[in-house]
Amino acid sequence: MAEQRDTELRGQIPRSLLVRIDALAIVDGVGTRMDWVIRVLEAEAERRVHAATLLLRMVNGNPNDSAPAGGSTD
């Protein structure tokens, strides 16, 4: 059921993709196709944000800094 903070996501997709989403929702035991899509999108968003966070940590939070961590290039 939609919560007050939820919003609508709409778009056209190929019918073949819709059929596969429906099949995967059934196989995974998820209630509706939208429940399945939300679960998949949340997992992918979390994965990509985590990867971006790791990259930012690797460059000490400054992706535009060309100097190596801990010193200058001189």
Protein backbone atom coordinates (compact mmCIF):
# COMPACT_ATOMS: atom_id res chain seq x y z
CA MET A 1 0.00 0.00 0.00
CA ALA A 2 1.25 3.47 -0.85
CA GLU A 3 2.42 5.64 1.99
CA GLN A 4 1.96 9.39 2.10
CA ARG A 5 5.64 9.97 1.32
CA ASP A 6 5.50 7.74 -1.79
CA THR A 7 5.27 9.07 -5.31
CA GLU A 8 4.39 7.54 -8.64
CA LEU A 9 6.90 6.16 -11.15
CA ARG A 10 5.60 5.63 -14.66
CA GLY A 11 7.09 4.76 -18.00
CA GLN A 12 6.77 2.58 -21.04
CA ILE A 13 8.77 -0.66 -21.16
CA PRO A 14 8.92 -3.44 -23.73
CA ARG A 15 6.25 -6.09 -23.19
CA SER A 16 8.95 -8.79 -23.17
CA LEU A 17 10.56 -7.10 -20.16
CA LEU A 18 7.22 -6.84 -18.38
CA VAL A 19 6.63 -10.56 -18.87
CA ARG A 20 10.08 -11.33 -17.41
CA ILE A 21 9.48 -9.00 -14.44
CA ASP A 22 6.17 -10.72 -13.73
CA ALA A 23 7.83 -14.14 -13.92
CA LEU A 24 10.65 -13.08 -11.60
CA ALA A 25 8.19 -11.60 -9.10
CA ILE A 26 6.34 -14.93 -9.02
CA VAL A 27 9.55 -16.98 -8.70
CA ASP A 28 10.87 -14.70 -5.94
CA GLY A 29 7.55 -14.83 -4.10
CA VAL A 30 7.06 -11.06 -4.24
CA GLY A 31 3.52 -9.72 -4.07
CA THR A 32 3.31 -7.54 -7.18
CA ARG A 33 5.54 -6.57 -10.06
CA MET A 34 5.96 -3.12 -8.54
CA ASP A 35 7.04 -4.66 -5.22
CA TRP A 36 9.69 -6.59 -7.17
CA VAL A 37 10.80 -3.53 -9.13
CA ILE A 38 11.10 -1.46 -5.94
CA ARG A 39 13.18 -4.19 -4.29
CA VAL A 40 15.52 -4.43 -7.29
CA LEU A 41 15.86 -0.65 -7.67
CA GLU A 42 16.57 -0.20 -3.95
CA ALA A 43 19.27 -2.87 -4.07
CA GLU A 44 20.89 -1.38 -7.18
CA ALA A 45 20.77 2.16 -5.79
CA GLU A 46 22.34 0.97 -2.53
CA ARG A 47 25.07 -0.91 -4.43
CA ARG A 48 25.94 2.11 -6.58
CA VAL A 49 25.92 4.59 -3.69
CA HIS A 50 28.19 2.23 -1.74
CA ALA A 51 30.61 2.03 -4.69
CA ALA A 52 30.63 5.81 -5.05
CA THR A 53 31.25 6.22 -1.31
CA LEU A 54 34.23 3.88 -1.50
CA LEU A 55 35.67 5.82 -4.43
CA LEU A 56 35.29 9.09 -2.55
CA ARG A 57 37.06 7.59 0.47
CA MET A 58 39.90 6.41 -1.77
CA VAL A 59 40.51 9.97 -2.98
CA ASN A 60 40.11 11.41 0.51
CA GLY A 61 36.78 12.99 -0.32
CA ASN A 62 38.13 15.20 -3.13
CA PRO A 63 37.70 13.61 -6.56
CA ASN A 64 39.20 16.70 -8.26
CA ASP A 65 42.50 16.58 -6.36
CA SER A 66 45.29 15.33 -8.63
CA ALA A 67 47.91 15.30 -5.86
CA PRO A 68 48.51 11.95 -4.15
CA ALA A 69 47.27 11.62 -0.59
CA GLY A 70 49.77 12.84 1.96
CA GLY A 71 51.84 15.20 -0.15
CA SER A 72 52.46 17.26 -3.25
CA THR A 73 53.67 16.09 -6.65
CA ASP A 74 56.77 18.37 -6.57
